[in-house]
Amino acid sequence: MRVFVAGATGALGAHLLPLLVEHGHEVIAAGRSSEKLARLRARVTETVALDLLDAEAVRRAVTATRPEAIVHQATALAHQSDFRHFDQTFAATNRLRTQGTDALLAAARDLGVTRFIAQSYAGWPYAREGALVKTEEDALDPHPPAPMRQSLSAIRYQEQVVLKAGGTVLRYGALYGSPDDLQLDPVRKRRFPIIGEGTGVWSFVHLHDAAAATVLALEATGGQRAAVYNITDDEPAPVREWLPILARAIGARPPLQVPRWLGRVLGGEAAVAMMVESRGATNAKFKRELGWTLRYPSWRQGFVESYAPASQPAQSPSRRLADA
């Protein structure tokens, strides 16, 4: 297929584009950064410098490139991890999830493109009550913390319009596997503490596995039916369990632990919700329906293989082979 990938220059795009090419697809890589797009030109069919918030430009780009499928992976999260001002941090991404999605769907309708994949999130959006691990049938949070309301509203909107159009929504777990992952620097500086008892459950997914799942979903939409899937690894885990292991993997000191009241002072209500109350998500539906196999079934393996070589002293070839 000819596949139009919006947000192609992001961390997930770095894994997704090569897999699409490997599977024989013609890739049209779209993004805002001309410099980053220039580095992709030799690896894809075509590149398009594009602002997704310019609906007319989106229509022209989609019409000119004539894709058979559209994959919406655009976010604006680089170097942003301010939980206290959560909605301000996610404001640009929220617009991409609302206005950007509208523009892409309108262009898809004009051209008759029916295969549409959109990125969502499986984590803090789920209701902070009931089961610790959620399925796609479980409700999103009816009463999110005040600093997160606009962001959850944008996620709800995006999912609703994509599903109404017959597209597929992929709720990724917390993406990891890049040396530029947002959580690494705060963990190294011990600015990512365990709040309270660290009972919030997180689900992760390695970038490679997220990309593989995206290709699988794209190729499985021949019959085209609206669907939402959790794209997570096999081991949801509480913060108190995974955060010390991440710190160890990157060579950092163990995380601090602070009481809930101090966590609220330092990080606000959003930080407390994510670290103490959040729910994980199961990947059972996607594995059952599409036969997904993960390279990294658990973050335990993924953290070590993704981060340890870059954060520890250089090893001899024999030691590297033994570790592999």
Protein backbone atom coordinates (compact mmCIF):
# COMPACT_ATOMS: atom_id res chain seq x y z
CA MET A 1 0.00 0.00 0.00
CA ARG A 2 0.87 3.65 -0.24
CA VAL A 3 0.89 4.72 3.41
CA PHE A 4 0.80 8.35 4.54
CA VAL A 5 2.46 8.61 7.97
CA ALA A 6 1.76 11.86 9.85
CA GLY A 7 4.30 12.45 12.60
CA ALA A 8 6.87 10.35 10.77
CA THR A 9 9.88 12.09 12.34
CA GLY A 10 9.02 11.13 15.92
CA ALA A 11 10.50 8.36 18.06
CA LEU A 12 7.90 5.83 16.94
CA GLY A 13 8.36 6.82 13.31
CA ALA A 14 12.02 5.81 13.51
CA HIS A 15 10.87 2.23 14.10
CA LEU A 16 7.67 2.31 12.06
CA LEU A 17 9.00 3.58 8.72
CA PRO A 18 11.65 0.84 8.24
CA LEU A 19 9.09 -1.85 9.11
CA LEU A 20 6.60 -0.48 6.59
CA VAL A 21 9.27 -0.45 3.89
CA GLU A 22 10.37 -3.96 4.88
CA HIS A 23 6.77 -5.11 4.41
CA GLY A 24 6.75 -3.72 0.88
CA HIS A 25 4.73 -0.56 1.46
CA GLU A 26 5.38 2.79 -0.20
CA VAL A 27 5.82 5.31 2.62
CA ILE A 28 4.94 9.00 2.43
CA ALA A 29 6.61 10.53 5.50
CA ALA A 30 4.97 13.74 6.72
CA GLY A 31 6.24 16.00 9.49
CA ARG A 32 6.91 19.59 10.46
CA SER A 33 10.72 19.47 10.50
CA SER A 34 12.25 19.80 7.04
CA GLU A 35 15.64 18.97 8.54
CA LYS A 36 14.42 15.68 10.00
CA LEU A 37 12.51 14.84 6.84
CA ALA A 38 15.67 15.35 4.78
CA ARG A 39 17.30 12.51 6.72
CA LEU A 40 14.45 10.20 5.72
CA ARG A 41 14.40 10.85 1.98
CA ALA A 42 16.69 7.98 1.06
CA ARG A 43 14.58 5.50 3.06
CA VAL A 44 11.02 6.34 2.03
CA THR A 45 9.08 6.92 -1.18
CA GLU A 46 8.30 10.56 -0.52
CA THR A 47 8.53 13.22 2.19
CA VAL A 48 6.10 16.06 2.88
CA ALA A 49 6.73 19.05 5.13
CA LEU A 50 3.34 19.61 6.72
CA ASP A 51 1.57 21.42 9.55
CA LEU A 52 -1.35 19.18 10.51
CA LEU A 53 -3.20 22.17 11.96
CA ASP A 54 -3.45 23.68 8.47
CA ALA A 55 -6.45 21.76 7.15
CA GLU A 56 -6.10 23.05 3.58
CA ALA A 57 -2.43 22.08 3.47
CA VAL A 58 -3.33 18.62 4.76
CA ARG A 59 -5.98 18.24 2.06
CA ARG A 60 -3.50 19.27 -0.64
CA ALA A 61 -0.79 16.93 0.67
CA VAL A 62 -3.07 13.91 0.87
CA THR A 63 -4.60 14.64 -2.53
CA ALA A 64 -1.17 15.05 -4.14
CA THR A 65 0.33 11.87 -2.66
CA ARG A 66 -2.80 9.71 -3.08
CA PRO A 67 -2.25 7.24 -0.23
CA GLU A 68 -4.31 4.11 0.34
CA ALA A 69 -3.88 4.35 4.11
CA ILE A 70 -3.20 7.06 6.68
CA VAL A 71 -1.38 6.54 9.99
CA HIS A 72 -1.67 9.43 12.48
CA GLN A 73 1.29 9.38 14.90
CA ALA A 74 1.76 13.13 15.37
CA THR A 75 2.47 14.44 18.87
CA ALA A 76 4.39 17.39 20.28
CA LEU A 77 5.98 16.07 23.47
CA ALA A 78 9.72 16.53 22.97
CA HIS A 79 11.45 17.69 26.18
CA GLN A 80 8.13 18.20 27.99
CA SER A 81 7.44 16.48 31.29
CA ASP A 82 5.77 19.08 33.52
CA PHE A 83 3.09 17.12 35.37
CA ARG A 84 2.10 20.12 37.47
CA HIS A 85 0.90 21.97 34.36
CA PHE A 86 -0.25 18.85 32.57
CA ASP A 87 -2.75 20.35 30.14
CA GLN A 88 -0.36 23.17 29.20
CA THR A 89 2.35 20.59 28.55
CA PHE A 90 0.01 18.60 26.29
CA ALA A 91 -1.70 21.61 24.67
CA ALA A 92 0.03 21.23 21.28
CA THR A 93 -0.53 17.47 21.27
CA ASN A 94 -4.19 18.00 22.18
CA ARG A 95 -4.61 20.20 19.10
CA LEU A 96 -2.99 17.52 16.95
CA ARG A 97 -5.41 14.98 18.42
CA THR A 98 -8.42 17.18 17.67
CA GLN A 99 -7.78 19.63 14.82
CA GLY A 100 -5.07 17.49 13.25
CA THR A 101 -7.24 14.37 13.33
CA ASP A 102 -10.16 16.30 11.83
CA ALA A 103 -7.95 17.54 8.99
CA LEU A 104 -6.61 14.07 8.20
CA LEU A 105 -10.06 12.46 8.34
CA ALA A 106 -11.53 15.14 6.08
CA ALA A 107 -8.74 14.59 3.56
CA ALA A 108 -9.23 10.84 3.80
CA ARG A 109 -12.95 11.21 3.07
CA ASP A 110 -12.27 13.45 0.08
CA LEU A 111 -9.92 10.88 -1.42
CA GLY A 112 -11.88 7.80 -0.38
CA VAL A 113 -9.17 6.49 1.97
CA THR A 114 -10.77 4.03 4.40
CA ARG A 115 -7.72 2.64 6.21
CA PHE A 116 -6.99 5.02 9.07
CA ILE A 117 -4.87 4.29 12.17
CA ALA A 118 -4.61 6.77 15.04
CA GLN A 119 -2.37 6.87 18.10
CA SER A 120 -4.04 7.04 21.51
CA TYR A 121 -2.85 6.13 25.01
CA ALA A 122 -3.51 3.30 27.47
CA GLY A 123 -2.56 4.46 30.93
CA TRP A 124 -3.76 7.38 32.97
CA PRO A 125 -6.92 7.87 30.82
CA TYR A 126 -8.58 4.75 32.29
CA ALA A 127 -10.88 5.16 35.30
CA ARG A 128 -8.93 5.10 38.57
CA GLU A 129 -11.24 2.58 40.20
CA GLY A 130 -12.09 -1.09 39.92
CA ALA A 131 -9.68 -3.50 38.26
CA LEU A 132 -5.99 -2.61 38.33
CA VAL A 133 -5.62 -3.77 34.72
CA LYS A 134 -8.14 -2.54 32.16
CA THR A 135 -9.51 -3.90 28.90
CA GLU A 136 -10.71 -1.86 25.93
CA GLU A 137 -14.27 -2.30 27.20
CA ASP A 138 -13.52 -0.48 30.47
CA ALA A 139 -14.44 3.16 30.87
CA LEU A 140 -12.07 6.07 30.65
CA ASP A 141 -11.82 8.27 33.73
CA PRO A 142 -15.16 10.05 34.29
CA HIS A 143 -13.58 12.45 36.77
CA PRO A 144 -9.95 13.14 35.80
CA PRO A 145 -7.85 15.49 37.95
CA ALA A 146 -8.43 19.13 36.98
CA PRO A 147 -5.00 19.59 35.35
CA MET A 148 -5.67 16.62 33.01
CA ARG A 149 -9.23 17.33 31.86
CA GLN A 150 -8.41 19.02 28.58
CA SER A 151 -5.95 16.28 27.64
CA LEU A 152 -8.42 13.50 28.37
CA SER A 153 -11.11 15.40 26.46
CA ALA A 154 -8.80 15.54 23.43
CA ILE A 155 -8.17 11.77 23.66
CA ARG A 156 -11.90 11.07 23.92
CA TYR A 157 -12.61 13.29 20.93
CA GLN A 158 -9.93 11.73 18.76
CA GLU A 159 -11.04 8.19 19.54
CA GLN A 160 -14.70 8.99 18.91
CA VAL A 161 -14.20 10.62 15.50
CA VAL A 162 -11.76 7.95 14.31
CA LEU A 163 -14.07 5.11 15.35
CA LYS A 164 -17.06 6.88 13.80
CA ALA A 165 -15.12 7.05 10.53
CA GLY A 166 -14.44 3.31 10.72
CA GLY A 167 -10.79 3.68 11.68
CA THR A 168 -8.60 1.88 14.19
CA VAL A 169 -7.44 3.40 17.49
CA LEU A 170 -4.24 2.07 19.05
CA ARG A 171 -3.89 2.85 22.75
CA TYR A 172 -0.16 2.52 23.25
CA GLY A 173 1.33 1.93 26.65
CA ALA A 174 4.14 4.18 27.87
CA LEU A 175 6.57 4.12 24.94
CA TYR A 176 10.22 3.46 25.68
CA GLY A 177 13.39 2.36 23.94
CA SER A 178 14.85 5.64 22.69
CA PRO A 179 17.91 7.30 24.28
CA ASP A 180 15.83 10.49 24.29
CA ASP A 181 12.93 9.06 26.32
CA LEU A 182 11.48 11.83 28.48
CA GLN A 183 11.58 9.92 31.75
CA LEU A 184 15.30 9.12 31.67
CA ASP A 185 16.74 12.50 32.63
CA PRO A 186 14.43 13.04 35.64
CA VAL A 187 15.20 9.49 36.82
CA ARG A 188 18.94 10.11 36.54
CA LYS A 189 18.59 13.35 38.53
CA ARG A 190 16.31 11.67 41.12
CA ARG A 191 13.50 14.07 40.20
CA PHE A 192 11.08 11.21 39.49
CA PRO A 193 10.20 9.95 42.98
CA ILE A 194 7.89 7.18 44.06
CA ILE A 195 4.87 8.99 45.49
CA GLY A 196 3.07 7.42 48.42
CA GLU A 197 3.22 3.64 48.16
CA GLY A 198 3.77 3.80 44.40
CA THR A 199 0.61 1.81 43.75
CA GLY A 200 -0.20 3.34 40.36
CA VAL A 201 -0.06 0.61 37.69
CA TRP A 202 1.67 1.41 34.39
CA SER A 203 1.75 -0.50 31.13
CA PHE A 204 4.74 -0.12 28.83
CA VAL A 205 5.50 -1.02 25.24
CA HIS A 206 8.86 -0.90 23.48
CA LEU A 207 8.97 1.31 20.39
CA HIS A 208 9.81 -1.67 18.19
CA ASP A 209 6.80 -3.62 19.42
CA ALA A 210 4.54 -0.58 19.06
CA ALA A 211 5.70 -0.16 15.45
CA ALA A 212 5.18 -3.87 14.71
CA ALA A 213 1.67 -3.68 16.16
CA THR A 214 0.91 -0.64 14.00
CA VAL A 215 1.95 -2.44 10.82
CA LEU A 216 -0.09 -5.47 11.87
CA ALA A 217 -3.17 -3.32 12.50
CA LEU A 218 -2.71 -1.54 9.18
CA GLU A 219 -2.47 -4.75 7.21
CA ALA A 220 -5.41 -6.32 9.07
CA THR A 221 -7.92 -3.62 8.17
CA GLY A 222 -8.91 -5.04 4.78
CA GLY A 223 -12.43 -5.73 6.04
CA GLN A 224 -12.35 -2.31 7.71
CA ARG A 225 -14.26 -2.18 10.95
CA ALA A 226 -13.92 0.35 13.72
CA ALA A 227 -11.77 -1.02 16.53
CA VAL A 228 -9.77 0.09 19.56
CA TYR A 229 -6.83 -1.90 20.92
CA ASN A 230 -4.48 -1.66 23.88
CA ILE A 231 -0.91 -1.94 22.59
CA THR A 232 1.04 -2.85 25.73
CA ASP A 233 3.49 -5.47 26.90
CA ASP A 234 2.54 -8.49 29.00
CA GLU A 235 3.44 -7.11 32.43
CA PRO A 236 1.54 -4.14 33.88
CA ALA A 237 3.34 -3.16 37.08
CA PRO A 238 3.09 -0.67 39.94
CA VAL A 239 5.46 2.29 40.04
CA ARG A 240 7.17 0.97 43.17
CA GLU A 241 8.23 -2.07 41.13
CA TRP A 242 9.29 -0.73 37.73
CA LEU A 243 10.82 2.63 38.67
CA PRO A 244 13.74 1.23 40.76
CA ILE A 245 14.50 -1.26 37.97
CA LEU A 246 14.55 1.53 35.38
CA ALA A 247 16.91 3.53 37.59
CA ARG A 248 19.22 0.54 37.92
CA ALA A 249 19.13 -0.10 34.15
CA ILE A 250 20.34 3.42 33.33
CA GLY A 251 22.95 3.45 36.08
CA ALA A 252 21.10 5.93 38.31
CA ARG A 253 20.72 5.90 42.07
CA PRO A 254 17.46 4.45 43.45
CA PRO A 255 14.47 6.82 43.23
CA LEU A 256 13.43 8.81 46.25
CA GLN A 257 10.13 8.02 47.95
CA VAL A 258 7.93 10.87 49.18
CA PRO A 259 4.54 10.95 50.93
CA ARG A 260 1.49 11.70 48.86
CA TRP A 261 1.11 15.23 50.27
CA LEU A 262 4.64 16.13 49.27
CA GLY A 263 4.16 14.55 45.85
CA ARG A 264 1.13 16.80 45.43
CA VAL A 265 3.21 19.85 46.37
CA LEU A 266 6.04 18.88 44.01
CA GLY A 267 4.12 17.52 41.03
CA GLY A 268 0.49 18.46 41.49
CA GLU A 269 -2.64 16.34 41.25
CA ALA A 270 -1.66 14.82 37.91
CA ALA A 271 1.56 13.38 39.32
CA VAL A 272 -0.29 11.85 42.28
CA ALA A 273 -2.92 10.34 39.99
CA MET A 274 -0.32 8.77 37.72
CA MET A 275 1.98 7.52 40.46
CA VAL A 276 -0.61 6.34 42.97
CA GLU A 277 -3.95 5.73 41.24
CA SER A 278 -3.39 4.94 37.53
CA ARG A 279 -4.43 1.62 35.99
CA GLY A 280 -2.61 -0.66 33.61
CA ALA A 281 -4.00 -2.19 30.41
CA THR A 282 -4.11 -5.70 28.98
CA ASN A 283 -3.04 -6.53 25.43
CA ALA A 284 -5.09 -9.74 25.30
CA LYS A 285 -7.56 -8.52 22.66
CA PHE A 286 -4.90 -7.44 20.17
CA LYS A 287 -2.87 -10.61 20.64
CA ARG A 288 -5.97 -12.77 20.29
CA GLU A 289 -7.42 -11.05 17.22
CA LEU A 290 -4.25 -10.18 15.30
CA GLY A 291 -1.70 -12.72 16.52
CA TRP A 292 0.79 -10.13 17.79
CA THR A 293 4.11 -11.45 19.12
CA LEU A 294 6.29 -9.10 21.16
CA ARG A 295 10.05 -8.85 20.98
CA TYR A 296 9.98 -7.44 24.52
CA PRO A 297 7.14 -9.15 26.44
CA SER A 298 8.21 -7.33 29.61
CA TRP A 299 9.72 -3.97 30.43
CA ARG A 300 12.15 -5.90 32.68
CA GLN A 301 13.94 -7.23 29.63
CA GLY A 302 13.28 -4.13 27.54
CA PHE A 303 14.74 -1.62 30.01
CA VAL A 304 18.00 -3.52 30.30
CA GLU A 305 18.43 -4.15 26.58
CA SER A 306 17.41 -0.60 25.62
CA TYR A 307 19.28 1.47 28.17
CA ALA A 308 22.03 -0.40 29.96
CA PRO A 309 24.60 -0.47 27.11
CA ALA A 310 24.35 3.28 26.69
CA SER A 311 24.67 4.08 30.39
CA GLN A 312 27.41 1.68 31.49
CA PRO A 313 31.15 1.58 30.67
CA ALA A 314 32.05 0.05 27.33
CA GLN A 315 32.23 -3.75 27.45
CA SER A 316 34.58 -6.08 25.69
CA PRO A 317 33.21 -7.92 22.60
CA SER A 318 33.16 -11.21 24.51
CA ARG A 319 31.17 -9.66 27.37
CA ARG A 320 28.67 -8.11 24.93
CA LEU A 321 28.16 -11.48 23.22
CA ALA A 322 27.63 -13.17 26.57
CA ASP A 323 25.07 -10.54 27.58
CA ALA A 324 23.23 -10.97 24.29
